[in-house]
Amino acid sequence: MNKTTFLERFKNQIEDFEKGESIEMKTEFRKLKYWDSLTALMVISMIDDDYNISINGDDLNTLNTIQELFDFIISNQQPK
């Protein structure tokens, strides 16, 4: 998994995201104008489907940036 791919997958979960808008790894995702409970569920589902990592709302609430979310996934991946 690399940051560029993860960031693109994250952006794809945001329904009203417009190309050209700036979202970076340091972005505080809950401060995005389009962040809501549906988007949170879509991100949780994407993480489960794409990375086979279970994350719940409480876990998500402890994280602030997309980088922290990425680090959470990395730290919870099982070695191959």
PDB file of N, CA and C in Angstrom:
ATOM      1  N   MET A   1       0.853  -1.173   0.000  1.00  0.00           N
ATOM      2  CA  MET A   1       0.000   0.000   0.000  1.00  0.00           C
ATOM      3  C   MET A   1       0.897   1.233   0.000  1.00  0.00           C
ATOM      4  N   ASN A   2       0.548   2.184  -0.827  1.00  0.00           N
ATOM      5  CA  ASN A   2       1.299   3.437  -0.811  1.00  0.00           C
ATOM      6  C   ASN A   2       0.341   4.604  -0.568  1.00  0.00           C
ATOM      7  N   LYS A   3       0.902   5.722  -0.184  1.00  0.00           N
ATOM      8  CA  LYS A   3       0.094   6.885   0.198  1.00  0.00           C
ATOM      9  C   LYS A   3      -0.724   7.443  -0.960  1.00  0.00           C
ATOM     10  N   THR A   4      -0.160   7.456  -2.148  1.00  0.00           N
ATOM     11  CA  THR A   4      -0.868   8.009  -3.305  1.00  0.00           C
ATOM     12  C   THR A   4      -2.129   7.206  -3.595  1.00  0.00           C
ATOM     13  N   THR A   5      -2.008   5.892  -3.607  1.00  0.00           N
ATOM     14  CA  THR A   5      -3.166   5.025  -3.851  1.00  0.00           C
ATOM     15  C   THR A   5      -4.200   5.185  -2.754  1.00  0.00           C
ATOM     16  N   PHE A   6      -3.739   5.204  -1.509  1.00  0.00           N
ATOM     17  CA  PHE A   6      -4.670   5.354  -0.390  1.00  0.00           C
ATOM     18  C   PHE A   6      -5.425   6.683  -0.482  1.00  0.00           C
ATOM     19  N   LEU A   7      -4.717   7.752  -0.785  1.00  0.00           N
ATOM     20  CA  LEU A   7      -5.343   9.058  -0.871  1.00  0.00           C
ATOM     21  C   LEU A   7      -6.394   9.084  -1.987  1.00  0.00           C
ATOM     22  N   GLU A   8      -6.104   8.464  -3.119  1.00  0.00           N
ATOM     23  CA  GLU A   8      -7.078   8.389  -4.213  1.00  0.00           C
ATOM     24  C   GLU A   8      -8.306   7.590  -3.793  1.00  0.00           C
ATOM     25  N   ARG A   9      -8.093   6.486  -3.111  1.00  0.00           N
ATOM     26  CA  ARG A   9      -9.229   5.680  -2.643  1.00  0.00           C
ATOM     27  C   ARG A   9     -10.062   6.455  -1.631  1.00  0.00           C
ATOM     28  N   PHE A  10      -9.379   7.197  -0.752  1.00  0.00           N
ATOM     29  CA  PHE A  10     -10.092   8.023   0.216  1.00  0.00           C
ATOM     30  C   PHE A  10     -10.958   9.057  -0.510  1.00  0.00           C
ATOM     31  N   LYS A  11     -10.381   9.752  -1.483  1.00  0.00           N
ATOM     32  CA  LYS A  11     -11.122  10.765  -2.245  1.00  0.00           C
ATOM     33  C   LYS A  11     -12.341  10.160  -2.945  1.00  0.00           C
ATOM     34  N   ASN A  12     -12.211   8.936  -3.427  1.00  0.00           N
ATOM     35  CA  ASN A  12     -13.313   8.277  -4.128  1.00  0.00           C
ATOM     36  C   ASN A  12     -14.503   8.003  -3.220  1.00  0.00           C
ATOM     37  N   GLN A  13     -14.301   8.029  -1.908  1.00  0.00           N
ATOM     38  CA  GLN A  13     -15.393   7.776  -0.969  1.00  0.00           C
ATOM     39  C   GLN A  13     -16.213   9.033  -0.701  1.00  0.00           C
ATOM     40  N   ILE A  14     -15.696  10.179  -1.112  1.00  0.00           N
ATOM     41  CA  ILE A  14     -16.368  11.448  -0.850  1.00  0.00           C
ATOM     42  C   ILE A  14     -17.274  11.771  -2.026  1.00  0.00           C
ATOM     43  N   GLU A  15     -18.550  11.761  -1.777  1.00  0.00           N
ATOM     44  CA  GLU A  15     -19.545  11.888  -2.843  1.00  0.00           C
ATOM     45  C   GLU A  15     -19.429  13.192  -3.624  1.00  0.00           C
ATOM     46  N   ASP A  16     -19.225  14.315  -2.962  1.00  0.00           N
ATOM     47  CA  ASP A  16     -19.228  15.612  -3.639  1.00  0.00           C
ATOM     48  C   ASP A  16     -17.831  16.155  -3.909  1.00  0.00           C
ATOM     49  N   PHE A  17     -16.822  15.309  -3.789  1.00  0.00           N
ATOM     50  CA  PHE A  17     -15.453  15.760  -4.025  1.00  0.00           C
ATOM     51  C   PHE A  17     -15.291  16.145  -5.486  1.00  0.00           C
ATOM     52  N   GLU A  18     -14.713  17.297  -5.708  1.00  0.00           N
ATOM     53  CA  GLU A  18     -14.507  17.780  -7.071  1.00  0.00           C
ATOM     54  C   GLU A  18     -13.026  17.715  -7.416  1.00  0.00           C
ATOM     55  N   LYS A  19     -12.730  17.233  -8.608  1.00  0.00           N
ATOM     56  CA  LYS A  19     -11.338  17.197  -9.048  1.00  0.00           C
ATOM     57  C   LYS A  19     -10.755  18.592  -8.966  1.00  0.00           C
ATOM     58  N   GLY A  20      -9.508  18.646  -8.560  1.00  0.00           N
ATOM     59  CA  GLY A  20      -8.851  19.932  -8.416  1.00  0.00           C
ATOM     60  C   GLY A  20      -8.870  20.455  -6.994  1.00  0.00           C
ATOM     61  N   GLU A  21      -9.777  19.915  -6.167  1.00  0.00           N
ATOM     62  CA  GLU A  21      -9.773  20.313  -4.769  1.00  0.00           C
ATOM     63  C   GLU A  21      -8.582  19.653  -4.086  1.00  0.00           C
ATOM     64  N   SER A  22      -8.063  20.330  -3.096  1.00  0.00           N
ATOM     65  CA  SER A  22      -6.864  19.850  -2.435  1.00  0.00           C
ATOM     66  C   SER A  22      -7.197  19.055  -1.171  1.00  0.00           C
ATOM     67  N   ILE A  23      -6.841  17.793  -1.216  1.00  0.00           N
ATOM     68  CA  ILE A  23      -6.868  16.941  -0.024  1.00  0.00           C
ATOM     69  C   ILE A  23      -5.510  16.266   0.016  1.00  0.00           C
ATOM     70  N   GLU A  24      -4.843  16.415   1.144  1.00  0.00           N
ATOM     71  CA  GLU A  24      -3.505  15.862   1.310  1.00  0.00           C
ATOM     72  C   GLU A  24      -3.483  14.946   2.516  1.00  0.00           C
ATOM     73  N   MET A  25      -2.377  14.272   2.706  1.00  0.00           N
ATOM     74  CA  MET A  25      -2.248  13.369   3.843  1.00  0.00           C
ATOM     75  C   MET A  25      -2.394  14.115   5.171  1.00  0.00           C
ATOM     76  N   LYS A  26      -2.027  15.385   5.212  1.00  0.00           N
ATOM     77  CA  LYS A  26      -2.121  16.163   6.449  1.00  0.00           C
ATOM     78  C   LYS A  26      -3.515  16.763   6.677  1.00  0.00           C
ATOM     79  N   THR A  27      -4.427  16.558   5.721  1.00  0.00           N
ATOM     80  CA  THR A  27      -5.785  17.094   5.839  1.00  0.00           C
ATOM     81  C   THR A  27      -6.514  16.451   7.018  1.00  0.00           C
ATOM     82  N   GLU A  28      -7.170  17.286   7.815  1.00  0.00           N
ATOM     83  CA  GLU A  28      -8.017  16.794   8.903  1.00  0.00           C
ATOM     84  C   GLU A  28      -9.374  16.451   8.289  1.00  0.00           C
ATOM     85  N   PHE A  29      -9.590  15.153   8.095  1.00  0.00           N
ATOM     86  CA  PHE A  29     -10.732  14.716   7.284  1.00  0.00           C
ATOM     87  C   PHE A  29     -12.082  15.087   7.868  1.00  0.00           C
ATOM     88  N   ARG A  30     -12.219  15.133   9.184  1.00  0.00           N
ATOM     89  CA  ARG A  30     -13.519  15.481   9.765  1.00  0.00           C
ATOM     90  C   ARG A  30     -13.847  16.964   9.579  1.00  0.00           C
ATOM     91  N   LYS A  31     -12.872  17.778   9.189  1.00  0.00           N
ATOM     92  CA  LYS A  31     -13.110  19.203   8.932  1.00  0.00           C
ATOM     93  C   LYS A  31     -13.476  19.476   7.472  1.00  0.00           C
ATOM     94  N   LEU A  32     -13.470  18.438   6.642  1.00  0.00           N
ATOM     95  CA  LEU A  32     -13.866  18.608   5.244  1.00  0.00           C
ATOM     96  C   LEU A  32     -15.339  18.989   5.177  1.00  0.00           C
ATOM     97  N   LYS A  33     -15.682  19.867   4.255  1.00  0.00           N
ATOM     98  CA  LYS A  33     -17.071  20.336   4.161  1.00  0.00           C
ATOM     99  C   LYS A  33     -18.038  19.215   3.834  1.00  0.00           C
ATOM    100  N   TYR A  34     -17.554  18.137   3.236  1.00  0.00           N
ATOM    101  CA  TYR A  34     -18.443  17.038   2.859  1.00  0.00           C
ATOM    102  C   TYR A  34     -18.361  15.860   3.809  1.00  0.00           C
ATOM    103  N   TRP A  35     -17.678  15.995   4.939  1.00  0.00           N
ATOM    104  CA  TRP A  35     -17.572  14.876   5.887  1.00  0.00           C
ATOM    105  C   TRP A  35     -18.873  14.774   6.662  1.00  0.00           C
ATOM    106  N   ASP A  36     -19.472  13.591   6.628  1.00  0.00           N
ATOM    107  CA  ASP A  36     -20.670  13.310   7.405  1.00  0.00           C
ATOM    108  C   ASP A  36     -20.673  11.837   7.769  1.00  0.00           C
ATOM    109  N   SER A  37     -21.724  11.384   8.424  1.00  0.00           N
ATOM    110  CA  SER A  37     -21.767   9.997   8.894  1.00  0.00           C
ATOM    111  C   SER A  37     -21.769   9.005   7.732  1.00  0.00           C
ATOM    112  N   LEU A  38     -22.397   9.350   6.620  1.00  0.00           N
ATOM    113  CA  LEU A  38     -22.412   8.463   5.459  1.00  0.00           C
ATOM    114  C   LEU A  38     -20.999   8.318   4.883  1.00  0.00           C
ATOM    115  N   THR A  39     -20.279   9.424   4.787  1.00  0.00           N
ATOM    116  CA  THR A  39     -18.903   9.373   4.291  1.00  0.00           C
ATOM    117  C   THR A  39     -18.038   8.542   5.231  1.00  0.00           C
ATOM    118  N   ALA A  40     -18.238   8.697   6.532  1.00  0.00           N
ATOM    119  CA  ALA A  40     -17.483   7.902   7.509  1.00  0.00           C
ATOM    120  C   ALA A  40     -17.732   6.409   7.281  1.00  0.00           C
ATOM    121  N   LEU A  41     -18.983   6.038   7.069  1.00  0.00           N
ATOM    122  CA  LEU A  41     -19.309   4.630   6.818  1.00  0.00           C
ATOM    123  C   LEU A  41     -18.679   4.137   5.524  1.00  0.00           C
ATOM    124  N   MET A  42     -18.644   4.982   4.523  1.00  0.00           N
ATOM    125  CA  MET A  42     -18.041   4.593   3.245  1.00  0.00           C
ATOM    126  C   MET A  42     -16.530   4.402   3.401  1.00  0.00           C
ATOM    127  N   VAL A  43     -15.886   5.253   4.186  1.00  0.00           N
ATOM    128  CA  VAL A  43     -14.448   5.111   4.433  1.00  0.00           C
ATOM    129  C   VAL A  43     -14.185   3.837   5.232  1.00  0.00           C
ATOM    130  N   ILE A  44     -14.994   3.572   6.243  1.00  0.00           N
ATOM    131  CA  ILE A  44     -14.853   2.339   7.041  1.00  0.00           C
ATOM    132  C   ILE A  44     -14.995   1.120   6.130  1.00  0.00           C
ATOM    133  N   SER A  45     -15.985   1.141   5.248  1.00  0.00           N
ATOM    134  CA  SER A  45     -16.213   0.030   4.326  1.00  0.00           C
ATOM    135  C   SER A  45     -15.042  -0.136   3.356  1.00  0.00           C
ATOM    136  N   MET A  46     -14.514   0.975   2.839  1.00  0.00           N
ATOM    137  CA  MET A  46     -13.378   0.930   1.919  1.00  0.00           C
ATOM    138  C   MET A  46     -12.164   0.300   2.602  1.00  0.00           C
ATOM    139  N   ILE A  47     -11.920   0.678   3.842  1.00  0.00           N
ATOM    140  CA  ILE A  47     -10.777   0.133   4.579  1.00  0.00           C
ATOM    141  C   ILE A  47     -10.947  -1.365   4.794  1.00  0.00           C
ATOM    142  N   ASP A  48     -12.156  -1.775   5.127  1.00  0.00           N
ATOM    143  CA  ASP A  48     -12.426  -3.198   5.314  1.00  0.00           C
ATOM    144  C   ASP A  48     -12.276  -3.963   4.003  1.00  0.00           C
ATOM    145  N   ASP A  49     -12.873  -3.453   2.932  1.00  0.00           N
ATOM    146  CA  ASP A  49     -12.841  -4.139   1.637  1.00  0.00           C
ATOM    147  C   ASP A  49     -11.456  -4.147   0.995  1.00  0.00           C
ATOM    148  N   ASP A  50     -10.790  -3.000   0.990  1.00  0.00           N
ATOM    149  CA  ASP A  50      -9.529  -2.874   0.267  1.00  0.00           C
ATOM    150  C   ASP A  50      -8.310  -3.332   1.056  1.00  0.00           C
ATOM    151  N   TYR A  51      -8.385  -3.210   2.387  1.00  0.00           N
ATOM    152  CA  TYR A  51      -7.200  -3.499   3.204  1.00  0.00           C
ATOM    153  C   TYR A  51      -7.427  -4.599   4.235  1.00  0.00           C
ATOM    154  N   ASN A  52      -8.666  -5.122   4.296  1.00  0.00           N
ATOM    155  CA  ASN A  52      -9.009  -6.194   5.222  1.00  0.00           C
ATOM    156  C   ASN A  52      -8.691  -5.820   6.670  1.00  0.00           C
ATOM    157  N   ILE A  53      -8.973  -4.556   7.004  1.00  0.00           N
ATOM    158  CA  ILE A  53      -8.757  -4.034   8.349  1.00  0.00           C
ATOM    159  C   ILE A  53     -10.112  -3.592   8.888  1.00  0.00           C
ATOM    160  N   SER A  54     -10.430  -4.055  10.095  1.00  0.00           N
ATOM    161  CA  SER A  54     -11.672  -3.620  10.738  1.00  0.00           C
ATOM    162  C   SER A  54     -11.405  -2.339  11.510  1.00  0.00           C
ATOM    163  N   ILE A  55     -12.202  -1.345  11.239  1.00  0.00           N
ATOM    164  CA  ILE A  55     -12.129  -0.079  11.963  1.00  0.00           C
ATOM    165  C   ILE A  55     -13.558   0.323  12.274  1.00  0.00           C
ATOM    166  N   ASN A  56     -13.786   0.823  13.476  1.00  0.00           N
ATOM    167  CA  ASN A  56     -15.142   1.233  13.832  1.00  0.00           C
ATOM    168  C   ASN A  56     -15.176   2.743  14.058  1.00  0.00           C
ATOM    169  N   GLY A  57     -16.346   3.253  14.336  1.00  0.00           N
ATOM    170  CA  GLY A  57     -16.518   4.690  14.521  1.00  0.00           C
ATOM    171  C   GLY A  57     -15.672   5.242  15.658  1.00  0.00           C
ATOM    172  N   ASP A  58     -15.549   4.465  16.742  1.00  0.00           N
ATOM    173  CA  ASP A  58     -14.722   4.920  17.861  1.00  0.00           C
ATOM    174  C   ASP A  58     -13.262   5.049  17.448  1.00  0.00           C
ATOM    175  N   ASP A  59     -12.771   4.061  16.683  1.00  0.00           N
ATOM    176  CA  ASP A  59     -11.393   4.139  16.177  1.00  0.00           C
ATOM    177  C   ASP A  59     -11.233   5.382  15.305  1.00  0.00           C
ATOM    178  N   LEU A  60     -12.181   5.581  14.412  1.00  0.00           N
ATOM    179  CA  LEU A  60     -12.124   6.708  13.477  1.00  0.00           C
ATOM    180  C   LEU A  60     -12.118   8.041  14.227  1.00  0.00           C
ATOM    181  N   ASN A  61     -12.862   8.106  15.317  1.00  0.00           N
ATOM    182  CA  ASN A  61     -12.943   9.346  16.090  1.00  0.00           C
ATOM    183  C   ASN A  61     -11.643   9.683  16.822  1.00  0.00           C
ATOM    184  N   THR A  62     -10.749   8.729  16.968  1.00  0.00           N
ATOM    185  CA  THR A  62      -9.464   9.003  17.627  1.00  0.00           C
ATOM    186  C   THR A  62      -8.429   9.543  16.644  1.00  0.00           C
ATOM    187  N   LEU A  63      -8.755   9.493  15.358  1.00  0.00           N
ATOM    188  CA  LEU A  63      -7.828   9.910  14.313  1.00  0.00           C
ATOM    189  C   LEU A  63      -8.241  11.275  13.777  1.00  0.00           C
ATOM    190  N   ASN A  64      -7.252  12.072  13.382  1.00  0.00           N
ATOM    191  CA  ASN A  64      -7.553  13.421  12.899  1.00  0.00           C
ATOM    192  C   ASN A  64      -7.239  13.621  11.429  1.00  0.00           C
ATOM    193  N   THR A  65      -6.105  13.127  10.993  1.00  0.00           N
ATOM    194  CA  THR A  65      -5.672  13.387   9.619  1.00  0.00           C
ATOM    195  C   THR A  65      -5.746  12.109   8.781  1.00  0.00           C
ATOM    196  N   ILE A  66      -5.691  12.294   7.489  1.00  0.00           N
ATOM    197  CA  ILE A  66      -5.653  11.150   6.581  1.00  0.00           C
ATOM    198  C   ILE A  66      -4.375  10.354   6.825  1.00  0.00           C
ATOM    199  N   GLN A  67      -3.284  11.029   7.152  1.00  0.00           N
ATOM    200  CA  GLN A  67      -2.026  10.346   7.477  1.00  0.00           C
ATOM    201  C   GLN A  67      -2.207   9.435   8.694  1.00  0.00           C
ATOM    202  N   GLU A  68      -2.894   9.906   9.718  1.00  0.00           N
ATOM    203  CA  GLU A  68      -3.140   9.079  10.898  1.00  0.00           C
ATOM    204  C   GLU A  68      -3.992   7.862  10.546  1.00  0.00           C
ATOM    205  N   LEU A  69      -4.942   8.030   9.659  1.00  0.00           N
ATOM    206  CA  LEU A  69      -5.765   6.921   9.199  1.00  0.00           C
ATOM    207  C   LEU A  69      -4.902   5.908   8.441  1.00  0.00           C
ATOM    208  N   PHE A  70      -4.044   6.401   7.568  1.00  0.00           N
ATOM    209  CA  PHE A  70      -3.107   5.559   6.831  1.00  0.00           C
ATOM    210  C   PHE A  70      -2.208   4.789   7.806  1.00  0.00           C
ATOM    211  N   ASP A  71      -1.672   5.480   8.805  1.00  0.00           N
ATOM    212  CA  ASP A  71      -0.802   4.841   9.803  1.00  0.00           C
ATOM    213  C   ASP A  71      -1.551   3.777  10.602  1.00  0.00           C
ATOM    214  N   PHE A  72      -2.833   4.036  10.899  1.00  0.00           N
ATOM    215  CA  PHE A  72      -3.659   3.055  11.603  1.00  0.00           C
ATOM    216  C   PHE A  72      -3.751   1.761  10.793  1.00  0.00           C
ATOM    217  N   ILE A  73      -3.991   1.902   9.504  1.00  0.00           N
ATOM    218  CA  ILE A  73      -4.088   0.729   8.639  1.00  0.00           C
ATOM    219  C   ILE A  73      -2.767  -0.024   8.602  1.00  0.00           C
ATOM    220  N   ILE A  74      -1.679   0.700   8.400  1.00  0.00           N
ATOM    221  CA  ILE A  74      -0.352   0.068   8.359  1.00  0.00           C
ATOM    222  C   ILE A  74      -0.071  -0.696   9.655  1.00  0.00           C
ATOM    223  N   SER A  75      -0.374  -0.080  10.783  1.00  0.00           N
ATOM    224  CA  SER A  75      -0.064  -0.711  12.072  1.00  0.00           C
ATOM    225  C   SER A  75      -0.958  -1.911  12.384  1.00  0.00           C
ATOM    226  N   ASN A  76      -2.092  -2.014  11.689  1.00  0.00           N
ATOM    227  CA  ASN A  76      -3.020  -3.116  11.941  1.00  0.00           C
ATOM    228  C   ASN A  76      -3.000  -4.197  10.860  1.00  0.00           C
ATOM    229  N   GLN A  77      -2.170  -4.036   9.857  1.00  0.00           N
ATOM    230  CA  GLN A  77      -2.050  -5.066   8.829  1.00  0.00           C
ATOM    231  C   GLN A  77      -1.282  -6.252   9.371  1.00  0.00           C
ATOM    232  N   GLN A  78      -1.734  -7.408   8.985  1.00  0.00           N
ATOM    233  CA  GLN A  78      -1.045  -8.643   9.354  1.00  0.00           C
ATOM    234  C   GLN A  78       0.121  -8.861   8.399  1.00  0.00           C
ATOM    235  N   PRO A  79       1.267  -9.285   8.938  1.00  0.00           N
ATOM    236  CA  PRO A  79       2.400  -9.578   8.042  1.00  0.00           C
ATOM    237  C   PRO A  79       2.043 -10.697   7.088  1.00  0.00           C
ATOM    238  N   LYS A  80       2.548 -10.590   5.865  1.00  0.00           N
ATOM    239  CA  LYS A  80       2.249 -11.621   4.853  1.00  0.00           C
ATOM    240  C   LYS A  80       3.217 -12.765   4.979  1.00  0.00           C
TER     241      LYS A  80
END
